[in-house]
PDB file of all heavy atoms in Angstrom:
ATOM      1  N   MET A   1      99.511  42.105 112.327  1.00  0.00           N
ATOM      2  CA  MET A   1      99.841  40.576 111.964  1.00  0.00           C
ATOM      3  C   MET A   1     101.344  40.462 111.877  1.00  0.00           C
ATOM      4  O   MET A   1     101.861  39.389 112.263  1.00  0.00           O
ATOM      5  CB  MET A   1      99.109  40.234 110.638  1.00  0.00           C
ATOM      6  CG  MET A   1      97.721  39.909 110.928  1.00  0.00           C
ATOM      7  SD  MET A   1      97.009  39.004 109.540  1.00  0.00           S
ATOM      8  CE  MET A   1      96.670  40.251 108.339  1.00  0.00           C
ATOM      9  N   ASP A   2     102.087  41.406 111.455  1.00  0.00           N
ATOM     10  CA  ASP A   2     103.509  41.344 111.254  1.00  0.00           C
ATOM     11  C   ASP A   2     104.150  41.281 112.644  1.00  0.00           C
ATOM     12  O   ASP A   2     105.144  40.639 112.891  1.00  0.00           O
ATOM     13  CB  ASP A   2     104.123  42.579 110.544  1.00  0.00           C
ATOM     14  CG  ASP A   2     103.697  42.590 109.094  1.00  0.00           C
ATOM     15  OD1 ASP A   2     103.259  41.443 108.529  1.00  0.00           O
ATOM     16  OD2 ASP A   2     103.840  43.575 108.485  1.00  0.00           O
ATOM     17  N   LEU A   3     103.584  41.973 113.664  1.00  0.00           N
ATOM     18  CA  LEU A   3     104.053  41.950 114.992  1.00  0.00           C
ATOM     19  C   LEU A   3     103.754  40.748 115.723  1.00  0.00           C
ATOM     20  O   LEU A   3     104.298  40.484 116.819  1.00  0.00           O
ATOM     21  CB  LEU A   3     103.502  43.184 115.790  1.00  0.00           C
ATOM     22  CG  LEU A   3     104.107  44.579 115.431  1.00  0.00           C
ATOM     23  CD1 LEU A   3     103.333  45.737 116.074  1.00  0.00           C
ATOM     24  CD2 LEU A   3     105.556  44.615 115.730  1.00  0.00           C
ATOM     25  N   LEU A   4     102.811  39.825 115.208  1.00  0.00           N
ATOM     26  CA  LEU A   4     102.531  38.657 115.905  1.00  0.00           C
ATOM     27  C   LEU A   4     103.750  37.733 115.846  1.00  0.00           C
ATOM     28  O   LEU A   4     103.754  36.761 116.660  1.00  0.00           O
ATOM     29  CB  LEU A   4     101.370  37.968 115.246  1.00  0.00           C
ATOM     30  CG  LEU A   4      99.983  38.520 115.666  1.00  0.00           C
ATOM     31  CD1 LEU A   4      98.884  37.781 114.816  1.00  0.00           C
ATOM     32  CD2 LEU A   4      99.770  38.239 117.163  1.00  0.00           C
ATOM     33  N   GLN A   5     104.705  38.035 115.181  1.00  0.00           N
ATOM     34  CA  GLN A   5     105.960  37.210 115.086  1.00  0.00           C
ATOM     35  C   GLN A   5     106.819  37.489 116.263  1.00  0.00           C
ATOM     36  O   GLN A   5     107.843  36.840 116.400  1.00  0.00           O
ATOM     37  CB  GLN A   5     106.679  37.328 113.681  1.00  0.00           C
ATOM     38  CG  GLN A   5     105.810  37.209 112.537  1.00  0.00           C
ATOM     39  CD  GLN A   5     105.141  35.825 112.374  1.00  0.00           C
ATOM     40  OE1 GLN A   5     105.805  34.773 112.761  1.00  0.00           O
ATOM     41  NE2 GLN A   5     103.934  35.792 111.896  1.00  0.00           N
ATOM     42  N   ASP A   6     106.568  38.518 116.970  1.00  0.00           N
ATOM     43  CA  ASP A   6     107.404  38.940 118.103  1.00  0.00           C
ATOM     44  C   ASP A   6     107.604  37.903 119.136  1.00  0.00           C
ATOM     45  O   ASP A   6     106.604  37.078 119.382  1.00  0.00           O
ATOM     46  CB  ASP A   6     106.818  40.179 118.772  1.00  0.00           C
ATOM     47  CG  ASP A   6     107.821  40.899 119.625  1.00  0.00           C
ATOM     48  OD1 ASP A   6     108.269  40.332 120.538  1.00  0.00           O
ATOM     49  OD2 ASP A   6     108.004  42.140 119.351  1.00  0.00           O
ATOM     50  N   ALA A   7     108.870  37.728 119.726  1.00  0.00           N
ATOM     51  CA  ALA A   7     109.024  36.730 120.646  1.00  0.00           C
ATOM     52  C   ALA A   7     108.436  36.972 122.044  1.00  0.00           C
ATOM     53  O   ALA A   7     108.333  36.168 122.923  1.00  0.00           O
ATOM     54  CB  ALA A   7     110.606  36.487 120.755  1.00  0.00           C
ATOM     55  N   ASP A   8     108.106  38.306 122.320  1.00  0.00           N
ATOM     56  CA  ASP A   8     107.533  38.703 123.537  1.00  0.00           C
ATOM     57  C   ASP A   8     106.071  38.302 123.655  1.00  0.00           C
ATOM     58  O   ASP A   8     105.301  38.766 122.912  1.00  0.00           O
ATOM     59  CB  ASP A   8     107.693  40.273 123.672  1.00  0.00           C
ATOM     60  CG  ASP A   8     107.318  40.770 125.066  1.00  0.00           C
ATOM     61  OD1 ASP A   8     106.845  39.961 125.870  1.00  0.00           O
ATOM     62  OD2 ASP A   8     107.473  41.980 125.305  1.00  0.00           O
ATOM     63  N   GLY A   9     105.881  37.385 124.652  1.00  0.00           N
ATOM     64  CA  GLY A   9     104.498  36.922 124.837  1.00  0.00           C
ATOM     65  C   GLY A   9     103.528  37.997 125.200  1.00  0.00           C
ATOM     66  O   GLY A   9     102.335  37.976 124.810  1.00  0.00           O
ATOM     67  N   GLU A  10     103.862  38.943 125.955  1.00  0.00           N
ATOM     68  CA  GLU A  10     103.061  40.094 126.302  1.00  0.00           C
ATOM     69  C   GLU A  10     102.557  40.864 125.145  1.00  0.00           C
ATOM     70  O   GLU A  10     101.375  41.255 124.942  1.00  0.00           O
ATOM     71  CB  GLU A  10     103.689  40.996 127.298  1.00  0.00           C
ATOM     72  CG  GLU A  10     102.761  42.055 127.930  1.00  0.00           C
ATOM     73  CD  GLU A  10     103.382  42.995 128.944  1.00  0.00           C
ATOM     74  OE1 GLU A  10     104.478  42.701 129.352  1.00  0.00           O
ATOM     75  OE2 GLU A  10     102.856  44.049 129.093  1.00  0.00           O
ATOM     76  N   VAL A  11     103.432  41.157 124.225  1.00  0.00           N
ATOM     77  CA  VAL A  11     103.156  41.875 123.010  1.00  0.00           C
ATOM     78  C   VAL A  11     102.200  41.161 122.167  1.00  0.00           C
ATOM     79  O   VAL A  11     101.267  41.602 121.664  1.00  0.00           O
ATOM     80  CB  VAL A  11     104.506  42.133 122.123  1.00  0.00           C
ATOM     81  CG1 VAL A  11     104.220  42.593 120.770  1.00  0.00           C
ATOM     82  CG2 VAL A  11     105.242  43.216 122.878  1.00  0.00           C
ATOM     83  N   VAL A  12     102.438  39.767 121.947  1.00  0.00           N
ATOM     84  CA  VAL A  12     101.525  38.950 121.188  1.00  0.00           C
ATOM     85  C   VAL A  12     100.214  38.932 121.832  1.00  0.00           C
ATOM     86  O   VAL A  12      99.105  38.947 121.174  1.00  0.00           O
ATOM     87  CB  VAL A  12     102.144  37.539 120.978  1.00  0.00           C
ATOM     88  CG1 VAL A  12     101.130  36.655 120.310  1.00  0.00           C
ATOM     89  CG2 VAL A  12     103.415  37.708 120.204  1.00  0.00           C
ATOM     90  N   ALA A  13     100.066  38.725 123.134  1.00  0.00           N
ATOM     91  CA  ALA A  13      98.831  38.647 123.858  1.00  0.00           C
ATOM     92  C   ALA A  13      98.045  39.960 123.742  1.00  0.00           C
ATOM     93  O   ALA A  13      96.811  39.995 123.492  1.00  0.00           O
ATOM     94  CB  ALA A  13      99.060  38.342 125.323  1.00  0.00           C
ATOM     95  N   LEU A  14      98.705  41.148 123.679  1.00  0.00           N
ATOM     96  CA  LEU A  14      98.059  42.496 123.423  1.00  0.00           C
ATOM     97  C   LEU A  14      97.491  42.572 122.089  1.00  0.00           C
ATOM     98  O   LEU A  14      96.341  42.956 121.847  1.00  0.00           O
ATOM     99  CB  LEU A  14      99.062  43.524 123.760  1.00  0.00           C
ATOM    100  CG  LEU A  14      99.364  43.791 125.288  1.00  0.00           C
ATOM    101  CD1 LEU A  14     100.552  44.770 125.381  1.00  0.00           C
ATOM    102  CD2 LEU A  14      98.181  44.362 126.059  1.00  0.00           C
ATOM    103  N   ILE A  15      98.210  42.073 121.146  1.00  0.00           N
ATOM    104  CA  ILE A  15      97.731  42.061 119.688  1.00  0.00           C
ATOM    105  C   ILE A  15      96.521  41.211 119.549  1.00  0.00           C
ATOM    106  O   ILE A  15      95.576  41.616 118.927  1.00  0.00           O
ATOM    107  CB  ILE A  15      98.888  41.674 118.778  1.00  0.00           C
ATOM    108  CG1 ILE A  15     100.046  42.708 118.896  1.00  0.00           C
ATOM    109  CG2 ILE A  15      98.368  41.533 117.384  1.00  0.00           C
ATOM    110  CD1 ILE A  15     101.320  42.164 118.202  1.00  0.00           C
ATOM    111  N   LEU A  16      96.562  40.062 120.134  1.00  0.00           N
ATOM    112  CA  LEU A  16      95.442  39.151 119.928  1.00  0.00           C
ATOM    113  C   LEU A  16      94.181  39.814 120.664  1.00  0.00           C
ATOM    114  O   LEU A  16      93.089  39.593 120.175  1.00  0.00           O
ATOM    115  CB  LEU A  16      95.792  37.755 120.626  1.00  0.00           C
ATOM    116  CG  LEU A  16      96.861  36.969 119.889  1.00  0.00           C
ATOM    117  CD1 LEU A  16      97.319  35.715 120.699  1.00  0.00           C
ATOM    118  CD2 LEU A  16      96.377  36.519 118.598  1.00  0.00           C
ATOM    119  N   SER A  17      94.375  40.451 121.792  1.00  0.00           N
ATOM    120  CA  SER A  17      93.385  41.094 122.420  1.00  0.00           C
ATOM    121  C   SER A  17      92.690  42.219 121.653  1.00  0.00           C
ATOM    122  O   SER A  17      91.528  42.445 121.490  1.00  0.00           O
ATOM    123  CB  SER A  17      93.813  41.690 123.878  1.00  0.00           C
ATOM    124  OG  SER A  17      94.200  40.747 124.714  1.00  0.00           O
ATOM    125  N   VAL A  18      93.552  42.961 120.892  1.00  0.00           N
ATOM    126  CA  VAL A  18      93.132  43.952 119.980  1.00  0.00           C
ATOM    127  C   VAL A  18      92.167  43.317 118.856  1.00  0.00           C
ATOM    128  O   VAL A  18      91.157  43.810 118.631  1.00  0.00           O
ATOM    129  CB  VAL A  18      94.265  44.762 119.275  1.00  0.00           C
ATOM    130  CG1 VAL A  18      93.732  45.662 118.231  1.00  0.00           C
ATOM    131  CG2 VAL A  18      94.977  45.598 120.384  1.00  0.00           C
ATOM    132  N   PHE A  19      92.688  42.240 118.284  1.00  0.00           N
ATOM    133  CA  PHE A  19      91.857  41.546 117.242  1.00  0.00           C
ATOM    134  C   PHE A  19      90.591  41.038 117.869  1.00  0.00           C
ATOM    135  O   PHE A  19      89.488  41.147 117.156  1.00  0.00           O
ATOM    136  CB  PHE A  19      92.644  40.451 116.702  1.00  0.00           C
ATOM    137  CG  PHE A  19      93.646  40.859 115.682  1.00  0.00           C
ATOM    138  CD1 PHE A  19      94.952  40.270 115.694  1.00  0.00           C
ATOM    139  CD2 PHE A  19      93.340  41.671 114.616  1.00  0.00           C
ATOM    140  CE1 PHE A  19      95.841  40.762 114.716  1.00  0.00           C
ATOM    141  CE2 PHE A  19      94.267  42.126 113.658  1.00  0.00           C
ATOM    142  CZ  PHE A  19      95.577  41.562 113.675  1.00  0.00           C
ATOM    143  N   LEU A  20      90.553  40.399 119.068  1.00  0.00           N
ATOM    144  CA  LEU A  20      89.370  39.918 119.676  1.00  0.00           C
ATOM    145  C   LEU A  20      88.392  41.040 119.942  1.00  0.00           C
ATOM    146  O   LEU A  20      87.196  40.839 119.871  1.00  0.00           O
ATOM    147  CB  LEU A  20      89.737  39.093 120.915  1.00  0.00           C
ATOM    148  CG  LEU A  20      90.158  37.754 120.642  1.00  0.00           C
ATOM    149  CD1 LEU A  20      90.847  37.181 121.874  1.00  0.00           C
ATOM    150  CD2 LEU A  20      89.233  36.852 120.043  1.00  0.00           C
ATOM    151  N   ASN A  21      88.893  42.224 120.588  1.00  0.00           N
ATOM    152  CA  ASN A  21      88.044  43.316 120.704  1.00  0.00           C
ATOM    153  C   ASN A  21      87.375  43.855 119.468  1.00  0.00           C
ATOM    154  O   ASN A  21      86.218  44.177 119.505  1.00  0.00           O
ATOM    155  CB  ASN A  21      88.738  44.448 121.505  1.00  0.00           C
ATOM    156  CG  ASN A  21      89.102  44.141 122.937  1.00  0.00           C
ATOM    157  OD1 ASN A  21      88.547  43.137 123.554  1.00  0.00           O
ATOM    158  ND2 ASN A  21      89.973  44.813 123.512  1.00  0.00           N
ATOM    159  N   GLU A  22      88.148  43.864 118.449  1.00  0.00           N
ATOM    160  CA  GLU A  22      87.689  44.358 117.172  1.00  0.00           C
ATOM    161  C   GLU A  22      86.541  43.548 116.612  1.00  0.00           C
ATOM    162  O   GLU A  22      85.648  44.017 115.935  1.00  0.00           O
ATOM    163  CB  GLU A  22      88.811  44.466 116.164  1.00  0.00           C
ATOM    164  CG  GLU A  22      88.442  45.071 114.913  1.00  0.00           C
ATOM    165  CD  GLU A  22      89.654  45.172 113.893  1.00  0.00           C
ATOM    166  OE1 GLU A  22      90.783  44.829 114.372  1.00  0.00           O
ATOM    167  OE2 GLU A  22      89.351  45.422 112.764  1.00  0.00           O
ATOM    168  N   LEU A  23      86.658  42.084 116.846  1.00  0.00           N
ATOM    169  CA  LEU A  23      85.603  41.275 116.323  1.00  0.00           C
ATOM    170  C   LEU A  23      84.417  41.190 117.144  1.00  0.00           C
ATOM    171  O   LEU A  23      83.316  40.696 116.736  1.00  0.00           O
ATOM    172  CB  LEU A  23      86.223  39.884 116.192  1.00  0.00           C
ATOM    173  CG  LEU A  23      87.345  39.701 115.152  1.00  0.00           C
ATOM    174  CD1 LEU A  23      87.928  38.289 115.199  1.00  0.00           C
ATOM    175  CD2 LEU A  23      86.810  40.096 113.782  1.00  0.00           C
ATOM    176  N   GLN A  24      84.367  41.637 118.442  1.00  0.00           N
ATOM    177  CA  GLN A  24      83.253  41.686 119.322  1.00  0.00           C
ATOM    178  C   GLN A  24      82.119  42.520 118.622  1.00  0.00           C
ATOM    179  O   GLN A  24      82.269  43.573 118.144  1.00  0.00           O
ATOM    180  CB  GLN A  24      83.553  42.280 120.660  1.00  0.00           C
ATOM    181  CG  GLN A  24      84.535  41.480 121.490  1.00  0.00           C
ATOM    182  CD  GLN A  24      84.022  40.129 121.893  1.00  0.00           C
ATOM    183  OE1 GLN A  24      82.920  39.671 121.514  1.00  0.00           O
ATOM    184  NE2 GLN A  24      84.855  39.444 122.618  1.00  0.00           N
ATOM    185  N   ASP A  25      80.916  41.960 118.795  1.00  0.00           N
ATOM    186  CA  ASP A  25      79.708  42.622 118.267  1.00  0.00           C
ATOM    187  C   ASP A  25      79.930  43.162 116.826  1.00  0.00           C
ATOM    188  O   ASP A  25      79.450  44.157 116.437  1.00  0.00           O
ATOM    189  CB  ASP A  25      79.439  43.840 119.137  1.00  0.00           C
ATOM    190  CG  ASP A  25      79.151  43.449 120.530  1.00  0.00           C
ATOM    191  OD1 ASP A  25      78.675  42.378 120.852  1.00  0.00           O
ATOM    192  OD2 ASP A  25      79.618  44.289 121.458  1.00  0.00           O
ATOM    193  N   ARG A  26      80.474  42.314 116.039  1.00  0.00           N
ATOM    194  CA  ARG A  26      80.846  42.766 114.580  1.00  0.00           C
ATOM    195  C   ARG A  26      79.763  42.123 113.739  1.00  0.00           C
ATOM    196  O   ARG A  26      79.585  40.915 113.716  1.00  0.00           O
ATOM    197  CB  ARG A  26      82.267  42.342 114.181  1.00  0.00           C
ATOM    198  CG  ARG A  26      82.602  42.800 112.795  1.00  0.00           C
ATOM    199  CD  ARG A  26      84.055  42.508 112.564  1.00  0.00           C
ATOM    200  NE  ARG A  26      84.277  42.806 111.201  1.00  0.00           N
ATOM    201  CZ  ARG A  26      85.484  42.751 110.702  1.00  0.00           C
ATOM    202  NH1 ARG A  26      86.519  42.226 111.402  1.00  0.00           N
ATOM    203  NH2 ARG A  26      85.680  43.051 109.452  1.00  0.00           N
ATOM    204  N   ALA A  27      79.132  42.990 112.919  1.00  0.00           N
ATOM    205  CA  ALA A  27      78.015  42.410 112.061  1.00  0.00           C
ATOM    206  C   ALA A  27      78.606  42.103 110.657  1.00  0.00           C
ATOM    207  O   ALA A  27      77.973  41.148 110.005  1.00  0.00           O
ATOM    208  CB  ALA A  27      76.941  43.449 111.922  1.00  0.00           C
ATOM    209  N   THR A  28      79.696  42.624 110.294  1.00  0.00           N
ATOM    210  CA  THR A  28      80.240  42.329 109.002  1.00  0.00           C
ATOM    211  C   THR A  28      81.081  41.112 109.053  1.00  0.00           C
ATOM    212  O   THR A  28      81.775  40.832 110.070  1.00  0.00           O
ATOM    213  CB  THR A  28      81.048  43.557 108.407  1.00  0.00           C
ATOM    214  OG1 THR A  28      82.125  43.836 109.338  1.00  0.00           O
ATOM    215  CG2 THR A  28      80.304  44.866 108.289  1.00  0.00           C
ATOM    216  N   LEU A  29      81.175  40.475 107.966  1.00  0.00           N
ATOM    217  CA  LEU A  29      82.018  39.273 107.836  1.00  0.00           C
ATOM    218  C   LEU A  29      83.436  39.619 107.324  1.00  0.00           C
ATOM    219  O   LEU A  29      83.660  40.631 106.817  1.00  0.00           O
ATOM    220  CB  LEU A  29      81.360  38.269 106.805  1.00  0.00           C
ATOM    221  CG  LEU A  29      79.908  37.866 107.135  1.00  0.00           C
ATOM    222  CD1 LEU A  29      79.350  37.087 106.059  1.00  0.00           C
ATOM    223  CD2 LEU A  29      79.940  37.067 108.392  1.00  0.00           C
ATOM    224  N   ILE A  30      84.317  38.575 107.584  1.00  0.00           N
ATOM    225  CA  ILE A  30      85.732  38.855 107.232  1.00  0.00           C
ATOM    226  C   ILE A  30      85.966  38.236 105.862  1.00  0.00           C
ATOM    227  O   ILE A  30      85.441  37.149 105.523  1.00  0.00           O
ATOM    228  CB  ILE A  30      86.634  38.040 108.262  1.00  0.00           C
ATOM    229  CG1 ILE A  30      86.438  38.774 109.595  1.00  0.00           C
ATOM    230  CG2 ILE A  30      88.069  38.182 107.845  1.00  0.00           C
ATOM    231  CD1 ILE A  30      87.146  37.962 110.783  1.00  0.00           C
ATOM    232  N   SER A  31      86.712  38.870 105.075  1.00  0.00           N
ATOM    233  CA  SER A  31      87.052  38.428 103.716  1.00  0.00           C
ATOM    234  C   SER A  31      87.921  37.161 103.828  1.00  0.00           C
ATOM    235  O   SER A  31      88.686  37.034 104.713  1.00  0.00           O
ATOM    236  CB  SER A  31      87.745  39.508 102.890  1.00  0.00           C
ATOM    237  OG  SER A  31      88.893  39.824 103.361  1.00  0.00           O
ATOM    238  N   SER A  32      87.831  36.359 102.782  1.00  0.00           N
ATOM    239  CA  SER A  32      88.667  35.122 102.769  1.00  0.00           C
ATOM    240  C   SER A  32      90.146  35.351 102.878  1.00  0.00           C
ATOM    241  O   SER A  32      90.815  34.693 103.591  1.00  0.00           O
ATOM    242  CB  SER A  32      88.247  34.353 101.569  1.00  0.00           C
ATOM    243  OG  SER A  32      88.937  33.181 101.515  1.00  0.00           O
ATOM    244  N   PRO A  33      90.722  36.371 102.067  1.00  0.00           N
ATOM    245  CA  PRO A  33      92.158  36.557 102.163  1.00  0.00           C
ATOM    246  C   PRO A  33      92.603  36.930 103.579  1.00  0.00           C
ATOM    247  O   PRO A  33      93.679  36.416 104.041  1.00  0.00           O
ATOM    248  CB  PRO A  33      92.485  37.678 101.121  1.00  0.00           C
ATOM    249  CG  PRO A  33      91.327  37.642 100.201  1.00  0.00           C
ATOM    250  CD  PRO A  33      90.064  37.176 101.027  1.00  0.00           C
ATOM    251  N   THR A  34      91.839  37.810 104.181  1.00  0.00           N
ATOM    252  CA  THR A  34      92.261  38.263 105.478  1.00  0.00           C
ATOM    253  C   THR A  34      92.125  37.045 106.514  1.00  0.00           C
ATOM    254  O   THR A  34      93.074  36.938 107.325  1.00  0.00           O
ATOM    255  CB  THR A  34      91.347  39.412 105.996  1.00  0.00           C
ATOM    256  OG1 THR A  34      91.468  40.418 105.080  1.00  0.00           O
ATOM    257  CG2 THR A  34      91.720  39.879 107.341  1.00  0.00           C
ATOM    258  N   ALA A  35      91.061  36.341 106.407  1.00  0.00           N
ATOM    259  CA  ALA A  35      90.928  35.216 107.288  1.00  0.00           C
ATOM    260  C   ALA A  35      92.013  34.194 107.123  1.00  0.00           C
ATOM    261  O   ALA A  35      92.553  33.629 108.045  1.00  0.00           O
ATOM    262  CB  ALA A  35      89.534  34.538 107.041  1.00  0.00           C
ATOM    263  N   LEU A  36      92.375  33.885 105.878  1.00  0.00           N
ATOM    264  CA  LEU A  36      93.412  32.895 105.551  1.00  0.00           C
ATOM    265  C   LEU A  36      94.832  33.447 106.112  1.00  0.00           C
ATOM    266  O   LEU A  36      95.528  32.664 106.729  1.00  0.00           O
ATOM    267  CB  LEU A  36      93.571  32.672 104.057  1.00  0.00           C
ATOM    268  CG  LEU A  36      94.557  31.641 103.683  1.00  0.00           C
ATOM    269  CD1 LEU A  36      94.256  30.202 104.319  1.00  0.00           C
ATOM    270  CD2 LEU A  36      94.617  31.494 102.141  1.00  0.00           C
ATOM    271  N   GLN A  37      95.092  34.688 105.986  1.00  0.00           N
ATOM    272  CA  GLN A  37      96.327  35.294 106.427  1.00  0.00           C
ATOM    273  C   GLN A  37      96.289  35.138 107.899  1.00  0.00           C
ATOM    274  O   GLN A  37      97.438  34.792 108.548  1.00  0.00           O
ATOM    275  CB  GLN A  37      96.402  36.644 106.010  1.00  0.00           C
ATOM    276  CG  GLN A  37      97.713  37.285 105.995  1.00  0.00           C
ATOM    277  CD  GLN A  37      97.770  38.736 105.383  1.00  0.00           C
ATOM    278  OE1 GLN A  37      96.727  39.286 105.189  1.00  0.00           O
ATOM    279  NE2 GLN A  37      99.029  39.171 105.203  1.00  0.00           N
ATOM    280  N   LEU A  38      95.279  35.539 108.596  1.00  0.00           N
ATOM    281  CA  LEU A  38      95.205  35.397 110.073  1.00  0.00           C
ATOM    282  C   LEU A  38      95.314  33.983 110.547  1.00  0.00           C
ATOM    283  O   LEU A  38      95.992  33.808 111.554  1.00  0.00           O
ATOM    284  CB  LEU A  38      93.909  36.078 110.604  1.00  0.00           C
ATOM    285  CG  LEU A  38      93.987  37.477 111.226  1.00  0.00           C
ATOM    286  CD1 LEU A  38      92.556  37.914 111.486  1.00  0.00           C
ATOM    287  CD2 LEU A  38      94.713  37.468 112.346  1.00  0.00           C
TER     288      LEU A  38
END
């Protein structure tokens, strides 16, 4: 999340892809503080 502030669009796109992959087929829910921060 700290690296999402990077000016490089490719870096940001890779980070977003990591988060999206992590959420795929996820049965557990996200906590409110983490969701708010994201």
